[in-house]
Amino acid sequence: MQKAHLYEAIHLFNRGIDDAVRGLERLKRAKKSQLKAEYFDEKVLLLEKHRALLNGYFCNNMDSSEQWDEARFAKLHREYEKKALDEVQVYQDVHAVEEIRRQEGKPPKVRFLTEEQQRDWKRQYPTAPSGTEPATSK
C-alpha cells in the first residue's frame, strides 16, 4: 500500500497534537506552578488551529488522489470484468435482477424459457438470426 505511510503520518501527527494538548492541560492544572491558565488556553487553541489546517490540507489533497485512483481502478476492473464475464454469470445476473423485479411486483423485462419452450423455439427458428454468432463450447 503506497499511501499507507501518509495516513500513518497524519495519524502520528494528530496523536502528537493530542499528547501536546494533554501535557498543556496538566501544566495548566498544576497547583504550585504559578503559571497563568490563559497562556495555556491560548497555546491549546493554536495547536488545534494548526491541526485543523493541516488535516484540511491533507484531506483535500488525499481526496483528489483517492478519486483519481478510484476512477483508474474502476476502469481496470471494467476491463477485467469484460474478460472474466461468461454466459453463466450473465444468466445469473439477469435472473437476480428479474427476481428483484418480481418481488417488487414489476413485470419481467426478460422471459426465461422452459426446456420445452426452447425446443419449440429452435424448431420455429432453426438457424441463428443474421448478425449473431452461434455459441461454441470449449
C-alpha atoms as a PDB file:
ATOM      1  CA  MET A   1       0.000   0.000   0.000  1.00  0.00           C
ATOM      2  CA  GLN A   2       1.756   3.103  -1.191  1.00  0.00           C
ATOM      3  CA  LYS A   3      -0.446   5.613   0.646  1.00  0.00           C
ATOM      4  CA  ALA A   4      -0.459   3.828   3.992  1.00  0.00           C
ATOM      5  CA  HIS A   5       2.612   5.718   5.165  1.00  0.00           C
ATOM      6  CA  LEU A   6       0.850   9.050   4.502  1.00  0.00           C
ATOM      7  CA  TYR A   7      -2.182   8.030   6.534  1.00  0.00           C
ATOM      8  CA  GLU A   8       0.087   6.748   9.279  1.00  0.00           C
ATOM      9  CA  ALA A   9       1.999  10.041   9.291  1.00  0.00           C
ATOM     10  CA  ILE A  10      -1.183  12.114   9.693  1.00  0.00           C
ATOM     11  CA  HIS A  11      -2.291   9.729  12.444  1.00  0.00           C
ATOM     12  CA  LEU A  12       1.025  10.225  14.260  1.00  0.00           C
ATOM     13  CA  PHE A  13       0.754  13.988  13.830  1.00  0.00           C
ATOM     14  CA  ASN A  14      -2.751  14.003  15.330  1.00  0.00           C
ATOM     15  CA  ARG A  15      -1.694  11.724  18.140  1.00  0.00           C
ATOM     16  CA  GLY A  16       1.233  14.080  18.848  1.00  0.00           C
ATOM     17  CA  ILE A  17      -1.103  17.068  18.998  1.00  0.00           C
ATOM     18  CA  ASP A  18      -3.337  15.109  21.397  1.00  0.00           C
ATOM     19  CA  ASP A  19      -0.302  14.390  23.597  1.00  0.00           C
ATOM     20  CA  ALA A  20       0.782  18.037  23.497  1.00  0.00           C
ATOM     21  CA  VAL A  21      -2.712  19.237  24.446  1.00  0.00           C
ATOM     22  CA  ARG A  22      -2.850  16.767  27.347  1.00  0.00           C
ATOM     23  CA  GLY A  23       0.550  17.985  28.513  1.00  0.00           C
ATOM     24  CA  LEU A  24      -0.548  21.627  28.399  1.00  0.00           C
ATOM     25  CA  GLU A  25      -3.742  20.767  30.290  1.00  0.00           C
ATOM     26  CA  ARG A  26      -1.683  19.071  33.023  1.00  0.00           C
ATOM     27  CA  LEU A  27       0.643  22.084  33.251  1.00  0.00           C
ATOM     28  CA  LYS A  28      -2.364  24.383  33.471  1.00  0.00           C
ATOM     29  CA  ARG A  29      -3.807  22.348  36.360  1.00  0.00           C
ATOM     30  CA  ALA A  30      -0.509  22.266  38.275  1.00  0.00           C
ATOM     31  CA  LYS A  31      -1.218  23.885  41.646  1.00  0.00           C
ATOM     32  CA  LYS A  32       2.178  25.250  42.645  1.00  0.00           C
ATOM     33  CA  SER A  33       3.472  26.220  39.216  1.00  0.00           C
ATOM     34  CA  GLN A  34       2.309  29.866  39.429  1.00  0.00           C
ATOM     35  CA  LEU A  35       1.561  29.652  35.661  1.00  0.00           C
ATOM     36  CA  LYS A  36      -1.368  31.535  34.150  1.00  0.00           C
ATOM     37  CA  ALA A  37      -4.110  29.290  32.743  1.00  0.00           C
ATOM     38  CA  GLU A  38      -4.893  31.773  29.940  1.00  0.00           C
ATOM     39  CA  TYR A  39      -1.441  31.263  28.464  1.00  0.00           C
ATOM     40  CA  PHE A  40      -2.040  27.512  28.161  1.00  0.00           C
ATOM     41  CA  ASP A  41      -5.544  28.021  26.780  1.00  0.00           C
ATOM     42  CA  GLU A  42      -4.104  30.196  24.004  1.00  0.00           C
ATOM     43  CA  LYS A  43      -1.439  27.602  23.158  1.00  0.00           C
ATOM     44  CA  VAL A  44      -4.048  24.806  23.040  1.00  0.00           C
ATOM     45  CA  LEU A  45      -6.121  26.911  20.637  1.00  0.00           C
ATOM     46  CA  LEU A  46      -3.083  27.478  18.425  1.00  0.00           C
ATOM     47  CA  LEU A  47      -2.302  23.749  18.357  1.00  0.00           C
ATOM     48  CA  GLU A  48      -5.923  22.908  17.490  1.00  0.00           C
ATOM     49  CA  LYS A  49      -5.950  25.608  14.790  1.00  0.00           C
ATOM     50  CA  HIS A  50      -2.810  24.225  13.162  1.00  0.00           C
ATOM     51  CA  ARG A  51      -4.104  20.666  13.482  1.00  0.00           C
ATOM     52  CA  ALA A  52      -7.325  21.654  11.690  1.00  0.00           C
ATOM     53  CA  LEU A  53      -5.400  23.463   8.945  1.00  0.00           C
ATOM     54  CA  LEU A  54      -3.067  20.543   8.311  1.00  0.00           C
ATOM     55  CA  ASN A  55      -5.849  17.956   8.454  1.00  0.00           C
ATOM     56  CA  GLY A  56      -7.917  20.003   5.997  1.00  0.00           C
ATOM     57  CA  TYR A  57      -4.958  20.352   3.636  1.00  0.00           C
ATOM     58  CA  PHE A  58      -4.184  16.639   3.896  1.00  0.00           C
ATOM     59  CA  CYS A  59      -7.795  15.556   3.395  1.00  0.00           C
ATOM     60  CA  ASN A  60      -8.335  17.824   0.391  1.00  0.00           C
ATOM     61  CA  ASN A  61      -5.206  16.563  -1.323  1.00  0.00           C
ATOM     62  CA  MET A  62      -5.876  12.933  -0.465  1.00  0.00           C
ATOM     63  CA  ASP A  63      -9.490  13.229  -1.618  1.00  0.00           C
ATOM     64  CA  SER A  64      -8.330  14.271  -5.080  1.00  0.00           C
ATOM     65  CA  SER A  65      -5.789  11.472  -5.132  1.00  0.00           C
ATOM     66  CA  GLU A  66      -8.333   8.895  -3.944  1.00  0.00           C
ATOM     67  CA  GLN A  67     -10.901   9.972  -6.539  1.00  0.00           C
ATOM     68  CA  TRP A  68      -8.294   9.710  -9.274  1.00  0.00           C
ATOM     69  CA  ASP A  69      -7.269   6.253  -8.046  1.00  0.00           C
ATOM     70  CA  GLU A  70     -10.889   5.111  -7.770  1.00  0.00           C
ATOM     71  CA  ALA A  71     -11.540   6.092 -11.383  1.00  0.00           C
ATOM     72  CA  ARG A  72      -8.335   4.398 -12.541  1.00  0.00           C
ATOM     73  CA  PHE A  73      -9.071   1.183 -10.636  1.00  0.00           C
ATOM     74  CA  ALA A  74     -12.700   1.190 -11.788  1.00  0.00           C
ATOM     75  CA  LYS A  75     -11.506   1.355 -15.399  1.00  0.00           C
ATOM     76  CA  LEU A  76      -9.085  -1.518 -14.806  1.00  0.00           C
ATOM     77  CA  HIS A  77     -11.808  -3.525 -13.086  1.00  0.00           C
ATOM     78  CA  ARG A  78     -14.206  -2.989 -16.014  1.00  0.00           C
ATOM     79  CA  GLU A  79     -11.546  -4.412 -18.329  1.00  0.00           C
ATOM     80  CA  TYR A  80     -11.157  -7.391 -16.009  1.00  0.00           C
ATOM     81  CA  GLU A  81     -14.912  -7.925 -15.921  1.00  0.00           C
ATOM     82  CA  LYS A  82     -15.100  -7.835 -19.716  1.00  0.00           C
ATOM     83  CA  LYS A  83     -12.571 -10.657 -19.884  1.00  0.00           C
ATOM     84  CA  ALA A  84     -13.973 -12.658 -16.991  1.00  0.00           C
ATOM     85  CA  LEU A  85     -17.700 -12.339 -17.736  1.00  0.00           C
ATOM     86  CA  ASP A  86     -19.147 -15.565 -19.067  1.00  0.00           C
ATOM     87  CA  GLU A  87     -22.629 -16.578 -20.183  1.00  0.00           C
ATOM     88  CA  VAL A  88     -23.398 -18.367 -16.916  1.00  0.00           C
ATOM     89  CA  GLN A  89     -22.630 -15.219 -14.908  1.00  0.00           C
ATOM     90  CA  VAL A  90     -24.731 -13.121 -17.289  1.00  0.00           C
ATOM     91  CA  TYR A  91     -27.629 -15.538 -16.846  1.00  0.00           C
ATOM     92  CA  GLN A  92     -27.279 -15.424 -13.045  1.00  0.00           C
ATOM     93  CA  ASP A  93     -27.128 -11.625 -13.038  1.00  0.00           C
ATOM     94  CA  VAL A  94     -30.221 -11.307 -15.238  1.00  0.00           C
ATOM     95  CA  HIS A  95     -32.034 -13.884 -13.144  1.00  0.00           C
ATOM     96  CA  ALA A  96     -31.214 -11.921  -9.960  1.00  0.00           C
ATOM     97  CA  VAL A  97     -32.494  -8.675 -11.493  1.00  0.00           C
ATOM     98  CA  GLU A  98     -35.695 -10.361 -12.632  1.00  0.00           C
ATOM     99  CA  GLU A  99     -36.215 -11.861  -9.175  1.00  0.00           C
ATOM    100  CA  ILE A 100     -35.956  -8.397  -7.630  1.00  0.00           C
ATOM    101  CA  ARG A 101     -38.450  -7.062 -10.187  1.00  0.00           C
ATOM    102  CA  ARG A 102     -40.825  -9.945  -9.351  1.00  0.00           C
ATOM    103  CA  GLN A 103     -40.567  -9.199  -5.608  1.00  0.00           C
ATOM    104  CA  GLU A 104     -41.322  -5.530  -6.309  1.00  0.00           C
ATOM    105  CA  GLY A 105     -44.409  -6.554  -8.299  1.00  0.00           C
ATOM    106  CA  LYS A 106     -42.995  -5.279 -11.594  1.00  0.00           C
ATOM    107  CA  PRO A 107     -43.406  -7.151 -14.871  1.00  0.00           C
ATOM    108  CA  PRO A 108     -40.379  -9.036 -16.197  1.00  0.00           C
ATOM    109  CA  LYS A 109     -38.110  -7.490 -18.808  1.00  0.00           C
ATOM    110  CA  VAL A 110     -36.663 -10.877 -19.741  1.00  0.00           C
ATOM    111  CA  ARG A 111     -38.548 -14.132 -20.042  1.00  0.00           C
ATOM    112  CA  PHE A 112     -36.794 -17.414 -19.339  1.00  0.00           C
ATOM    113  CA  LEU A 113     -37.976 -20.292 -21.478  1.00  0.00           C
ATOM    114  CA  THR A 114     -38.515 -23.788 -20.180  1.00  0.00           C
ATOM    115  CA  GLU A 115     -36.690 -26.593 -21.989  1.00  0.00           C
ATOM    116  CA  GLU A 116     -39.854 -27.417 -23.920  1.00  0.00           C
ATOM    117  CA  GLN A 117     -40.296 -23.789 -24.949  1.00  0.00           C
ATOM    118  CA  GLN A 118     -36.650 -23.692 -26.031  1.00  0.00           C
ATOM    119  CA  ARG A 119     -37.146 -26.773 -28.259  1.00  0.00           C
ATOM    120  CA  ASP A 120     -40.260 -25.209 -29.802  1.00  0.00           C
ATOM    121  CA  TRP A 121     -38.354 -22.005 -30.435  1.00  0.00           C
ATOM    122  CA  LYS A 122     -35.462 -23.900 -32.053  1.00  0.00           C
ATOM    123  CA  ARG A 123     -37.913 -25.749 -34.317  1.00  0.00           C
ATOM    124  CA  GLN A 124     -39.540 -22.476 -35.260  1.00  0.00           C
ATOM    125  CA  TYR A 125     -36.190 -20.730 -35.887  1.00  0.00           C
ATOM    126  CA  PRO A 126     -33.714 -23.434 -36.949  1.00  0.00           C
ATOM    127  CA  THR A 127     -30.890 -21.009 -37.813  1.00  0.00           C
ATOM    128  CA  ALA A 128     -29.487 -18.183 -35.747  1.00  0.00           C
ATOM    129  CA  PRO A 129     -30.699 -14.704 -36.718  1.00  0.00           C
ATOM    130  CA  SER A 130     -28.308 -12.858 -39.021  1.00  0.00           C
ATOM    131  CA  GLY A 131     -25.538 -10.947 -37.331  1.00  0.00           C
ATOM    132  CA  THR A 132     -25.179 -13.325 -34.405  1.00  0.00           C
ATOM    133  CA  GLU A 133     -22.613 -15.998 -33.855  1.00  0.00           C
ATOM    134  CA  PRO A 134     -23.622 -19.471 -32.681  1.00  0.00           C
ATOM    135  CA  ALA A 135     -22.405 -20.310 -29.202  1.00  0.00           C
ATOM    136  CA  THR A 136     -19.396 -22.600 -29.164  1.00  0.00           C
ATOM    137  CA  SER A 137     -18.457 -24.810 -26.295  1.00  0.00           C
ATOM    138  CA  LYS A 138     -14.882 -25.001 -25.101  1.00  0.00           C
END
